[in-house]
Amino acid sequence: GQANEDAYHWASNDTPGPLTTGKIEDALQAAFAAGDPAPTQLIVLAGQSDAKGMSTDGGGSPTQARFRSAMEQWINYVRQRVADIWSTLLPDVLISTPGVVEEDGDHDGFDKVRFSIYDYANDVANTHVTQGPEYYDLDREYGDPHFPEWSNQILGARLADHFLNHAYSGSFTFPLQTGPLIESVTLSDDKTYIDLTLDNV
């Protein structure tokens, strides 16, 4: 997690953790060397491990404020690395909130993570949050909010689809699109109904 004392992404002394300076940095550099275009969207799955520690049963560490601070610093760092490597604009951010776990004692920790994410997205421009449905039907181990590889592949496709809804507002056709895109909304004069214009049904 980003905020734990033994952080993998972001360390307690507010420096990038080994996963950030290792695999993430290596992936960015390899993509640039291969001539890939600059990423326009940073997709973040945040807080699964932190939520268990933040719960009452987990001891309440890290605190909600610490998680929010570390998450924001980590996202800022990765966005800036993309901008520096490609000499481009900062990518937008799409955060997928943690879903559900079976242990009753962990639920308050997951709520704290979700509230932190919503709070962050509300304060930072070009940041979106998606929640819930991505998680509920995907395979994972009992008591573990993390997904195996095959579930992550499905989740990645769903999040890419979600991003296209945000980024193109119905003007982009994508094979993974599974439902209609709303192109326009019109409120009736008496405010009793709305007209939706749909594309790609």
C-alpha atoms as a PDB file:
ATOM      1  CA  GLY A   1       0.000   0.000   0.000  1.00  0.00           C
ATOM      2  CA  GLN A   2       0.975   3.609  -0.434  1.00  0.00           C
ATOM      3  CA  ALA A   3       0.823   4.613   3.196  1.00  0.00           C
ATOM      4  CA  ASN A   4       2.078   1.683   5.303  1.00  0.00           C
ATOM      5  CA  GLU A   5       5.408   1.897   7.089  1.00  0.00           C
ATOM      6  CA  ASP A   6       6.760  -0.847   4.819  1.00  0.00           C
ATOM      7  CA  ALA A   7       5.111   0.807   1.797  1.00  0.00           C
ATOM      8  CA  TYR A   8       5.572  -0.782  -1.563  1.00  0.00           C
ATOM      9  CA  HIS A   9       4.446   2.238  -3.607  1.00  0.00           C
ATOM     10  CA  TRP A  10       5.127   5.159  -1.288  1.00  0.00           C
ATOM     11  CA  ALA A  11       7.314   5.060   1.823  1.00  0.00           C
ATOM     12  CA  SER A  12       6.676   6.552   5.250  1.00  0.00           C
ATOM     13  CA  ASN A  13       9.386   9.186   4.657  1.00  0.00           C
ATOM     14  CA  ASP A  14       7.386  10.425   1.635  1.00  0.00           C
ATOM     15  CA  THR A  15       9.667   9.028  -1.048  1.00  0.00           C
ATOM     16  CA  PRO A  16       8.801   6.587  -3.858  1.00  0.00           C
ATOM     17  CA  GLY A  17       8.761   2.967  -2.780  1.00  0.00           C
ATOM     18  CA  PRO A  18      10.533   0.096  -4.570  1.00  0.00           C
ATOM     19  CA  LEU A  19       7.606  -0.814  -6.823  1.00  0.00           C
ATOM     20  CA  THR A  20       7.369   2.792  -8.015  1.00  0.00           C
ATOM     21  CA  THR A  21      11.089   3.229  -8.708  1.00  0.00           C
ATOM     22  CA  GLY A  22      11.375  -0.316 -10.058  1.00  0.00           C
ATOM     23  CA  LYS A  23       8.582  -1.888 -12.079  1.00  0.00           C
ATOM     24  CA  ILE A  24       6.564   1.266 -12.720  1.00  0.00           C
ATOM     25  CA  GLU A  25       9.577   3.337 -13.751  1.00  0.00           C
ATOM     26  CA  ASP A  26      10.912   0.460 -15.885  1.00  0.00           C
ATOM     27  CA  ALA A  27       7.547   0.082 -17.623  1.00  0.00           C
ATOM     28  CA  LEU A  28       7.378   3.797 -18.433  1.00  0.00           C
ATOM     29  CA  GLN A  29      10.923   3.871 -19.760  1.00  0.00           C
ATOM     30  CA  ALA A  30      10.376   0.731 -21.853  1.00  0.00           C
ATOM     31  CA  ALA A  31       7.194   2.155 -23.364  1.00  0.00           C
ATOM     32  CA  PHE A  32       8.948   5.401 -24.266  1.00  0.00           C
ATOM     33  CA  ALA A  33      11.914   3.540 -25.792  1.00  0.00           C
ATOM     34  CA  ALA A  34       9.513   1.445 -27.875  1.00  0.00           C
ATOM     35  CA  GLY A  35       7.965   4.580 -29.334  1.00  0.00           C
ATOM     36  CA  ASP A  36       4.632   4.159 -27.564  1.00  0.00           C
ATOM     37  CA  PRO A  37       2.512   7.305 -27.225  1.00  0.00           C
ATOM     38  CA  ALA A  38       2.368   9.075 -23.899  1.00  0.00           C
ATOM     39  CA  PRO A  39      -0.236   7.663 -21.503  1.00  0.00           C
ATOM     40  CA  THR A  40      -3.249   9.961 -21.318  1.00  0.00           C
ATOM     41  CA  GLN A  41      -4.841   8.172 -18.371  1.00  0.00           C
ATOM     42  CA  LEU A  42      -3.420   6.869 -15.108  1.00  0.00           C
ATOM     43  CA  ILE A  43      -5.645   4.076 -13.788  1.00  0.00           C
ATOM     44  CA  VAL A  44      -5.237   3.536 -10.051  1.00  0.00           C
ATOM     45  CA  LEU A  45      -6.504   0.697  -7.860  1.00  0.00           C
ATOM     46  CA  ALA A  46      -5.802   2.116  -4.442  1.00  0.00           C
ATOM     47  CA  GLY A  47      -6.009   1.061  -0.840  1.00  0.00           C
ATOM     48  CA  GLN A  48      -6.718  -2.671  -0.748  1.00  0.00           C
ATOM     49  CA  SER A  49      -3.923  -3.480   1.703  1.00  0.00           C
ATOM     50  CA  ASP A  50      -4.159  -0.156   3.511  1.00  0.00           C
ATOM     51  CA  ALA A  51      -7.859  -0.682   4.205  1.00  0.00           C
ATOM     52  CA  LYS A  52      -7.175  -3.747   6.337  1.00  0.00           C
ATOM     53  CA  GLY A  53      -4.707  -1.797   8.480  1.00  0.00           C
ATOM     54  CA  MET A  54      -7.015   1.225   8.668  1.00  0.00           C
ATOM     55  CA  SER A  55      -9.870  -0.884  10.019  1.00  0.00           C
ATOM     56  CA  THR A  56     -10.692  -1.067  13.723  1.00  0.00           C
ATOM     57  CA  ASP A  57      -9.612  -4.710  13.822  1.00  0.00           C
ATOM     58  CA  GLY A  58      -6.391  -3.824  12.007  1.00  0.00           C
ATOM     59  CA  GLY A  59      -5.355  -1.195  14.533  1.00  0.00           C
ATOM     60  CA  GLY A  60      -6.232   1.932  12.578  1.00  0.00           C
ATOM     61  CA  SER A  61      -2.869   2.416  10.870  1.00  0.00           C
ATOM     62  CA  PRO A  62      -2.332   4.226   8.595  1.00  0.00           C
ATOM     63  CA  THR A  63      -4.778   6.956   9.486  1.00  0.00           C
ATOM     64  CA  GLN A  64      -7.235   8.204   6.897  1.00  0.00           C
ATOM     65  CA  ALA A  65      -5.339  11.503   6.628  1.00  0.00           C
ATOM     66  CA  ARG A  66      -2.040   9.687   6.094  1.00  0.00           C
ATOM     67  CA  PHE A  67      -3.523   7.459   3.401  1.00  0.00           C
ATOM     68  CA  ARG A  68      -4.963  10.461   1.569  1.00  0.00           C
ATOM     69  CA  SER A  69      -1.637  12.320   1.752  1.00  0.00           C
ATOM     70  CA  ALA A  70       0.453   9.358   0.577  1.00  0.00           C
ATOM     71  CA  MET A  71      -1.963   8.484  -2.233  1.00  0.00           C
ATOM     72  CA  GLU A  72      -1.926  12.070  -3.493  1.00  0.00           C
ATOM     73  CA  GLN A  73       1.876  12.281  -3.389  1.00  0.00           C
ATOM     74  CA  TRP A  74       2.227   8.954  -5.204  1.00  0.00           C
ATOM     75  CA  ILE A  75      -0.234   9.917  -7.955  1.00  0.00           C
ATOM     76  CA  ASN A  76       1.459  13.300  -8.360  1.00  0.00           C
ATOM     77  CA  TYR A  77       4.832  11.583  -8.656  1.00  0.00           C
ATOM     78  CA  VAL A  78       3.733   9.092 -11.327  1.00  0.00           C
ATOM     79  CA  ARG A  79       1.850  11.750 -13.311  1.00  0.00           C
ATOM     80  CA  GLN A  80       4.935  13.946 -13.272  1.00  0.00           C
ATOM     81  CA  ARG A  81       7.169  11.072 -14.404  1.00  0.00           C
ATOM     82  CA  VAL A  82       4.897  10.537 -17.422  1.00  0.00           C
ATOM     83  CA  ALA A  83       5.045  14.251 -18.242  1.00  0.00           C
ATOM     84  CA  ASP A  84       8.834  14.348 -17.830  1.00  0.00           C
ATOM     85  CA  ILE A  85       9.604  11.224 -19.879  1.00  0.00           C
ATOM     86  CA  TRP A  86       7.341  12.122 -22.808  1.00  0.00           C
ATOM     87  CA  SER A  87       7.626  15.931 -22.440  1.00  0.00           C
ATOM     88  CA  THR A  88       3.849  16.065 -22.422  1.00  0.00           C
ATOM     89  CA  LEU A  89       0.882  17.069 -20.304  1.00  0.00           C
ATOM     90  CA  LEU A  90      -0.007  15.345 -17.054  1.00  0.00           C
ATOM     91  CA  PRO A  91      -2.276  12.341 -17.650  1.00  0.00           C
ATOM     92  CA  ASP A  92      -5.808  12.299 -16.251  1.00  0.00           C
ATOM     93  CA  VAL A  93      -6.512   9.969 -13.331  1.00  0.00           C
ATOM     94  CA  LEU A  94      -9.169   7.268 -12.985  1.00  0.00           C
ATOM     95  CA  ILE A  95      -9.349   5.670  -9.533  1.00  0.00           C
ATOM     96  CA  SER A  96     -11.253   2.454  -8.950  1.00  0.00           C
ATOM     97  CA  THR A  97     -12.288   2.153  -5.314  1.00  0.00           C
ATOM     98  CA  PRO A  98     -11.911  -1.109  -3.394  1.00  0.00           C
ATOM     99  CA  GLY A  99     -14.917  -3.401  -3.468  1.00  0.00           C
ATOM    100  CA  VAL A 100     -15.934  -5.843  -0.754  1.00  0.00           C
ATOM    101  CA  VAL A 101     -14.317  -8.252   1.683  1.00  0.00           C
ATOM    102  CA  GLU A 102     -15.830 -11.002   3.791  1.00  0.00           C
ATOM    103  CA  GLU A 103     -14.341 -10.182   7.199  1.00  0.00           C
ATOM    104  CA  ASP A 104     -16.759  -7.960   9.123  1.00  0.00           C
ATOM    105  CA  GLY A 105     -14.002  -6.165  11.010  1.00  0.00           C
ATOM    106  CA  ASP A 106     -12.437  -4.728   7.848  1.00  0.00           C
ATOM    107  CA  HIS A 107     -15.444  -2.854   6.491  1.00  0.00           C
ATOM    108  CA  ASP A 108     -14.741   0.439   8.270  1.00  0.00           C
ATOM    109  CA  GLY A 109     -11.223   0.443   6.845  1.00  0.00           C
ATOM    110  CA  PHE A 110     -12.538   0.105   3.307  1.00  0.00           C
ATOM    111  CA  ASP A 111     -15.014   2.919   3.971  1.00  0.00           C
ATOM    112  CA  LYS A 112     -12.126   5.143   5.073  1.00  0.00           C
ATOM    113  CA  VAL A 113     -10.239   4.380   1.870  1.00  0.00           C
ATOM    114  CA  ARG A 114     -13.293   5.140  -0.276  1.00  0.00           C
ATOM    115  CA  PHE A 115     -13.944   8.422   1.549  1.00  0.00           C
ATOM    116  CA  SER A 116     -10.283   9.410   1.080  1.00  0.00           C
ATOM    117  CA  ILE A 117     -10.474   8.679  -2.645  1.00  0.00           C
ATOM    118  CA  TYR A 118     -13.703  10.642  -3.091  1.00  0.00           C
ATOM    119  CA  ASP A 119     -12.218  13.531  -1.129  1.00  0.00           C
ATOM    120  CA  TYR A 120      -9.092  13.537  -3.298  1.00  0.00           C
ATOM    121  CA  ALA A 121     -11.035  13.341  -6.580  1.00  0.00           C
ATOM    122  CA  ASN A 122     -13.265  16.187  -5.478  1.00  0.00           C
ATOM    123  CA  ASP A 123     -10.241  18.422  -4.885  1.00  0.00           C
ATOM    124  CA  VAL A 124      -8.102  17.547  -7.930  1.00  0.00           C
ATOM    125  CA  ALA A 125      -8.969  18.471 -11.516  1.00  0.00           C
ATOM    126  CA  ASN A 126      -9.085  15.765 -14.220  1.00  0.00           C
ATOM    127  CA  THR A 127      -9.589  13.021 -11.654  1.00  0.00           C
ATOM    128  CA  HIS A 128     -12.466  10.555 -11.886  1.00  0.00           C
ATOM    129  CA  VAL A 129     -13.685   7.778  -9.602  1.00  0.00           C
ATOM    130  CA  THR A 130     -15.429   4.578 -10.580  1.00  0.00           C
ATOM    131  CA  GLN A 131     -16.847   2.244  -7.966  1.00  0.00           C
ATOM    132  CA  GLY A 132     -18.577  -0.982  -7.149  1.00  0.00           C
ATOM    133  CA  PRO A 133     -19.642  -2.970 -10.195  1.00  0.00           C
ATOM    134  CA  GLU A 134     -16.106  -3.731 -11.394  1.00  0.00           C
ATOM    135  CA  TYR A 135     -15.476  -5.725  -8.269  1.00  0.00           C
ATOM    136  CA  TYR A 136     -18.508  -7.726  -7.329  1.00  0.00           C
ATOM    137  CA  ASP A 137     -18.425 -10.556  -9.876  1.00  0.00           C
ATOM    138  CA  LEU A 138     -14.659 -11.058 -10.290  1.00  0.00           C
ATOM    139  CA  ASP A 139     -12.752 -14.023  -8.864  1.00  0.00           C
ATOM    140  CA  ARG A 140     -10.465 -13.487  -5.887  1.00  0.00           C
ATOM    141  CA  GLU A 141      -9.295 -15.415  -2.880  1.00  0.00           C
ATOM    142  CA  TYR A 142     -11.482 -15.465   0.231  1.00  0.00           C
ATOM    143  CA  GLY A 143     -10.598 -12.589   2.532  1.00  0.00           C
ATOM    144  CA  ASP A 144      -8.286 -10.945  -0.021  1.00  0.00           C
ATOM    145  CA  PRO A 145      -9.384  -7.770  -1.869  1.00  0.00           C
ATOM    146  CA  HIS A 146      -6.632  -8.252  -4.473  1.00  0.00           C
ATOM    147  CA  PHE A 147      -7.337 -10.003  -7.768  1.00  0.00           C
ATOM    148  CA  PRO A 148      -5.467 -12.800  -9.549  1.00  0.00           C
ATOM    149  CA  GLU A 149      -4.123 -12.089 -13.029  1.00  0.00           C
ATOM    150  CA  TRP A 150      -7.200 -13.228 -14.954  1.00  0.00           C
ATOM    151  CA  SER A 151      -9.514 -10.991 -12.915  1.00  0.00           C
ATOM    152  CA  ASN A 152      -7.182  -8.040 -13.370  1.00  0.00           C
ATOM    153  CA  GLN A 153      -7.377  -8.531 -17.141  1.00  0.00           C
ATOM    154  CA  ILE A 154     -11.176  -8.274 -17.028  1.00  0.00           C
ATOM    155  CA  LEU A 155     -11.010  -5.312 -14.668  1.00  0.00           C
ATOM    156  CA  GLY A 156      -8.550  -3.561 -16.986  1.00  0.00           C
ATOM    157  CA  ALA A 157     -10.917  -3.940 -19.929  1.00  0.00           C
ATOM    158  CA  ARG A 158     -13.830  -2.566 -17.893  1.00  0.00           C
ATOM    159  CA  LEU A 159     -11.832   0.401 -16.676  1.00  0.00           C
ATOM    160  CA  ALA A 160     -10.648   1.155 -20.221  1.00  0.00           C
ATOM    161  CA  ASP A 161     -14.281   1.133 -21.275  1.00  0.00           C
ATOM    162  CA  HIS A 162     -15.192   3.414 -18.361  1.00  0.00           C
ATOM    163  CA  PHE A 163     -12.399   5.805 -19.346  1.00  0.00           C
ATOM    164  CA  LEU A 164     -13.679   6.055 -22.916  1.00  0.00           C
ATOM    165  CA  ASN A 165     -17.094   7.073 -21.618  1.00  0.00           C
ATOM    166  CA  HIS A 166     -15.419   9.923 -19.702  1.00  0.00           C
ATOM    167  CA  ALA A 167     -12.916  10.943 -22.346  1.00  0.00           C
ATOM    168  CA  TYR A 168     -15.001  10.881 -25.503  1.00  0.00           C
ATOM    169  CA  SER A 169     -18.559  11.478 -24.244  1.00  0.00           C
ATOM    170  CA  GLY A 170     -20.126   9.094 -26.718  1.00  0.00           C
ATOM    171  CA  SER A 171     -18.149  10.038 -29.823  1.00  0.00           C
ATOM    172  CA  PHE A 172     -15.788   7.058 -29.779  1.00  0.00           C
ATOM    173  CA  THR A 173     -16.667   3.506 -30.829  1.00  0.00           C
ATOM    174  CA  PHE A 174     -14.751   0.839 -28.929  1.00  0.00           C
ATOM    175  CA  PRO A 175     -15.191  -2.953 -29.146  1.00  0.00           C
ATOM    176  CA  LEU A 176     -15.504  -3.345 -25.380  1.00  0.00           C
ATOM    177  CA  GLN A 177     -18.370  -0.866 -25.116  1.00  0.00           C
ATOM    178  CA  THR A 178     -21.222  -2.767 -23.466  1.00  0.00           C
ATOM    179  CA  GLY A 179     -23.945  -0.155 -23.233  1.00  0.00           C
ATOM    180  CA  PRO A 180     -25.232   3.147 -24.522  1.00  0.00           C
ATOM    181  CA  LEU A 181     -23.344   6.400 -24.230  1.00  0.00           C
ATOM    182  CA  ILE A 182     -25.313   9.525 -23.345  1.00  0.00           C
ATOM    183  CA  GLU A 183     -24.634  12.283 -25.890  1.00  0.00           C
ATOM    184  CA  SER A 184     -27.013  14.896 -24.528  1.00  0.00           C
ATOM    185  CA  VAL A 185     -29.598  15.469 -21.801  1.00  0.00           C
ATOM    186  CA  THR A 186     -32.571  17.846 -22.122  1.00  0.00           C
ATOM    187  CA  LEU A 187     -34.839  18.764 -19.209  1.00  0.00           C
ATOM    188  CA  SER A 188     -38.508  19.355 -20.078  1.00  0.00           C
ATOM    189  CA  ASP A 189     -40.028  22.790 -19.466  1.00  0.00           C
ATOM    190  CA  ASP A 190     -42.141  21.542 -16.587  1.00  0.00           C
ATOM    191  CA  LYS A 191     -39.193  19.507 -15.212  1.00  0.00           C
ATOM    192  CA  THR A 192     -41.212  16.297 -15.074  1.00  0.00           C
ATOM    193  CA  TYR A 193     -39.090  14.282 -17.485  1.00  0.00           C
ATOM    194  CA  ILE A 194     -35.781  14.329 -19.360  1.00  0.00           C
ATOM    195  CA  ASP A 195     -34.870  13.413 -22.942  1.00  0.00           C
ATOM    196  CA  LEU A 196     -31.658  11.442 -23.428  1.00  0.00           C
ATOM    197  CA  THR A 197     -29.858  11.219 -26.766  1.00  0.00           C
ATOM    198  CA  LEU A 198     -27.993   7.909 -26.933  1.00  0.00           C
ATOM    199  CA  ASP A 199     -25.262   6.595 -29.201  1.00  0.00           C
ATOM    200  CA  ASN A 200     -23.690   3.134 -29.612  1.00  0.00           C
ATOM    201  CA  VAL A 201     -26.594   1.239 -28.020  1.00  0.00           C
END
